[in-house]
């Protein structure tokens, strides 16, 4: 395993917050991929997404709590914050390295 050590000061705050939710065992890369795809769906003119899936809805709340999205009257219509745009940009550049991602404090 080749760990990719990244200094905390070089990361978007929301990426640090999301990373702290993952322990690293199992397949955290799946979560990073899902986050990346989700943020891409919010980076357009019509981010509304209604779902009856509890896990998908919970994920929307987690992403919102990490500061990547913001919403008005409904989480379903959440849009990217500036922090979310920064996180998306960072993921666009680093998505292939996230399997062995470690934060240096």
C-alpha atoms as a PDB file:
ATOM      1  CA  UNK A   1       0.000   0.000   0.000  1.00  0.00           C
ATOM      2  CA  UNK A   2       1.404   3.404  -0.999  1.00  0.00           C
ATOM      3  CA  UNK A   3      -0.056   6.021   1.307  1.00  0.00           C
ATOM      4  CA  UNK A   4      -0.664   9.478  -0.091  1.00  0.00           C
ATOM      5  CA  UNK A   5       0.046  11.890   2.777  1.00  0.00           C
ATOM      6  CA  UNK A   6      -1.540  15.319   2.363  1.00  0.00           C
ATOM      7  CA  UNK A   7      -0.975  18.237   4.717  1.00  0.00           C
ATOM      8  CA  UNK A   8      -4.231  19.398   6.301  1.00  0.00           C
ATOM      9  CA  UNK A   9      -3.509  23.021   5.303  1.00  0.00           C
ATOM     10  CA  UNK A  10      -3.542  21.966   1.629  1.00  0.00           C
ATOM     11  CA  UNK A  11      -7.062  20.527   1.780  1.00  0.00           C
ATOM     12  CA  UNK A  12     -10.516  22.094   1.508  1.00  0.00           C
ATOM     13  CA  UNK A  13     -12.101  22.132   4.977  1.00  0.00           C
ATOM     14  CA  UNK A  14     -15.082  20.130   3.739  1.00  0.00           C
ATOM     15  CA  UNK A  15     -12.808  17.373   2.417  1.00  0.00           C
ATOM     16  CA  UNK A  16     -11.163  17.126   5.850  1.00  0.00           C
ATOM     17  CA  UNK A  17     -14.573  16.967   7.534  1.00  0.00           C
ATOM     18  CA  UNK A  18     -15.790  14.254   5.144  1.00  0.00           C
ATOM     19  CA  UNK A  19     -12.535  12.291   5.492  1.00  0.00           C
ATOM     20  CA  UNK A  20     -12.895  12.296   9.270  1.00  0.00           C
ATOM     21  CA  UNK A  21     -16.182  10.394   8.864  1.00  0.00           C
ATOM     22  CA  UNK A  22     -14.366   7.507   7.157  1.00  0.00           C
ATOM     23  CA  UNK A  23     -12.266   5.117   9.231  1.00  0.00           C
ATOM     24  CA  UNK A  24     -10.356   3.809   6.219  1.00  0.00           C
ATOM     25  CA  UNK A  25     -11.257   0.134   6.386  1.00  0.00           C
ATOM     26  CA  UNK A  26     -13.535  -1.499   3.861  1.00  0.00           C
ATOM     27  CA  UNK A  27     -13.656   0.455   0.621  1.00  0.00           C
ATOM     28  CA  UNK A  28     -13.622   4.206   1.369  1.00  0.00           C
ATOM     29  CA  UNK A  29     -12.850   4.865  -2.319  1.00  0.00           C
ATOM     30  CA  UNK A  30     -16.488   4.002  -3.049  1.00  0.00           C
ATOM     31  CA  UNK A  31     -17.563   6.834  -0.735  1.00  0.00           C
ATOM     32  CA  UNK A  32     -15.144   9.255  -2.406  1.00  0.00           C
ATOM     33  CA  UNK A  33     -16.449   8.272  -5.838  1.00  0.00           C
ATOM     34  CA  UNK A  34     -20.033   8.727  -4.683  1.00  0.00           C
ATOM     35  CA  UNK A  35     -19.215  12.137  -3.202  1.00  0.00           C
ATOM     36  CA  UNK A  36     -17.489  13.172  -6.416  1.00  0.00           C
ATOM     37  CA  UNK A  37     -20.442  12.088  -8.584  1.00  0.00           C
ATOM     38  CA  UNK A  38     -22.928  13.717  -6.206  1.00  0.00           C
ATOM     39  CA  UNK A  39     -21.099  17.061  -6.239  1.00  0.00           C
ATOM     40  CA  UNK A  40     -20.986  16.970 -10.034  1.00  0.00           C
ATOM     41  CA  UNK A  41     -24.792  16.620 -10.097  1.00  0.00           C
ATOM     42  CA  UNK A  42     -25.094  19.710  -7.900  1.00  0.00           C
ATOM     43  CA  UNK A  43     -22.802  21.744 -10.121  1.00  0.00           C
ATOM     44  CA  UNK A  44     -25.449  22.602 -12.705  1.00  0.00           C
ATOM     45  CA  UNK A  45     -28.508  24.775 -13.160  1.00  0.00           C
ATOM     46  CA  UNK A  46     -31.038  22.196 -11.961  1.00  0.00           C
ATOM     47  CA  UNK A  47     -29.673  20.414  -8.883  1.00  0.00           C
ATOM     48  CA  UNK A  48     -33.111  19.250  -7.664  1.00  0.00           C
ATOM     49  CA  UNK A  49     -33.087  15.570  -6.748  1.00  0.00           C
ATOM     50  CA  UNK A  50     -36.002  13.960  -4.993  1.00  0.00           C
ATOM     51  CA  UNK A  51     -35.372  10.554  -3.456  1.00  0.00           C
ATOM     52  CA  UNK A  52     -37.185   8.065  -1.279  1.00  0.00           C
ATOM     53  CA  UNK A  53     -33.929   6.225  -0.589  1.00  0.00           C
ATOM     54  CA  UNK A  54     -32.991   6.747   3.062  1.00  0.00           C
ATOM     55  CA  UNK A  55     -29.255   6.237   2.495  1.00  0.00           C
ATOM     56  CA  UNK A  56     -29.195   8.690  -0.396  1.00  0.00           C
ATOM     57  CA  UNK A  57     -31.102  11.241   1.664  1.00  0.00           C
ATOM     58  CA  UNK A  58     -28.791  10.726   4.643  1.00  0.00           C
ATOM     59  CA  UNK A  59     -25.813  11.273   2.334  1.00  0.00           C
ATOM     60  CA  UNK A  60     -27.360  14.595   1.214  1.00  0.00           C
ATOM     61  CA  UNK A  61     -27.535  15.683   4.853  1.00  0.00           C
ATOM     62  CA  UNK A  62     -23.922  14.622   5.495  1.00  0.00           C
ATOM     63  CA  UNK A  63     -22.643  16.571   2.472  1.00  0.00           C
ATOM     64  CA  UNK A  64     -24.679  19.588   3.580  1.00  0.00           C
ATOM     65  CA  UNK A  65     -23.299  19.301   7.122  1.00  0.00           C
ATOM     66  CA  UNK A  66     -19.755  19.177   5.715  1.00  0.00           C
ATOM     67  CA  UNK A  67     -20.441  22.588   4.146  1.00  0.00           C
ATOM     68  CA  UNK A  68     -20.367  21.480   0.504  1.00  0.00           C
ATOM     69  CA  UNK A  69     -24.016  22.279  -0.174  1.00  0.00           C
ATOM     70  CA  UNK A  70     -26.596  24.704   1.067  1.00  0.00           C
ATOM     71  CA  UNK A  71     -30.357  24.558   0.737  1.00  0.00           C
ATOM     72  CA  UNK A  72     -33.415  26.701   1.212  1.00  0.00           C
ATOM     73  CA  UNK A  73     -36.711  25.027   2.021  1.00  0.00           C
ATOM     74  CA  UNK A  74     -35.668  21.521   0.924  1.00  0.00           C
ATOM     75  CA  UNK A  75     -32.497  19.422   1.017  1.00  0.00           C
ATOM     76  CA  UNK A  76     -33.598  18.028  -2.354  1.00  0.00           C
ATOM     77  CA  UNK A  77     -32.808  21.341  -4.025  1.00  0.00           C
ATOM     78  CA  UNK A  78     -29.399  21.868  -2.411  1.00  0.00           C
ATOM     79  CA  UNK A  79     -26.765  23.692  -4.431  1.00  0.00           C
ATOM     80  CA  UNK A  80     -22.983  23.827  -4.169  1.00  0.00           C
ATOM     81  CA  UNK A  81     -21.460  26.386  -1.849  1.00  0.00           C
ATOM     82  CA  UNK A  82     -18.100  27.976  -2.659  1.00  0.00           C
ATOM     83  CA  UNK A  83     -16.618  25.329  -0.350  1.00  0.00           C
ATOM     84  CA  UNK A  84     -18.434  22.650  -2.352  1.00  0.00           C
ATOM     85  CA  UNK A  85     -17.035  24.041  -5.605  1.00  0.00           C
ATOM     86  CA  UNK A  86     -13.548  23.971  -4.076  1.00  0.00           C
ATOM     87  CA  UNK A  87     -14.091  20.373  -2.926  1.00  0.00           C
ATOM     88  CA  UNK A  88     -15.341  19.372  -6.387  1.00  0.00           C
ATOM     89  CA  UNK A  89     -12.326  20.958  -8.026  1.00  0.00           C
ATOM     90  CA  UNK A  90     -10.013  19.151  -5.594  1.00  0.00           C
ATOM     91  CA  UNK A  91     -11.767  15.833  -6.277  1.00  0.00           C
ATOM     92  CA  UNK A  92     -11.551  16.421 -10.042  1.00  0.00           C
ATOM     93  CA  UNK A  93      -7.778  16.722  -9.686  1.00  0.00           C
ATOM     94  CA  UNK A  94      -7.204  13.926  -7.149  1.00  0.00           C
ATOM     95  CA  UNK A  95      -9.916  11.315  -7.526  1.00  0.00           C
ATOM     96  CA  UNK A  96      -7.486   8.647  -8.763  1.00  0.00           C
ATOM     97  CA  UNK A  97      -5.344   8.896  -5.585  1.00  0.00           C
ATOM     98  CA  UNK A  98      -7.998   8.600  -2.879  1.00  0.00           C
ATOM     99  CA  UNK A  99      -7.602   4.882  -2.145  1.00  0.00           C
ATOM    100  CA  UNK A 100      -4.590   5.529   0.101  1.00  0.00           C
ATOM    101  CA  UNK A 101      -5.363   9.080   1.241  1.00  0.00           C
ATOM    102  CA  UNK A 102      -3.979  10.063   4.687  1.00  0.00           C
ATOM    103  CA  UNK A 103      -4.198  13.523   6.273  1.00  0.00           C
ATOM    104  CA  UNK A 104      -1.066  14.835   7.940  1.00  0.00           C
ATOM    105  CA  UNK A 105      -1.927  17.005  10.948  1.00  0.00           C
END
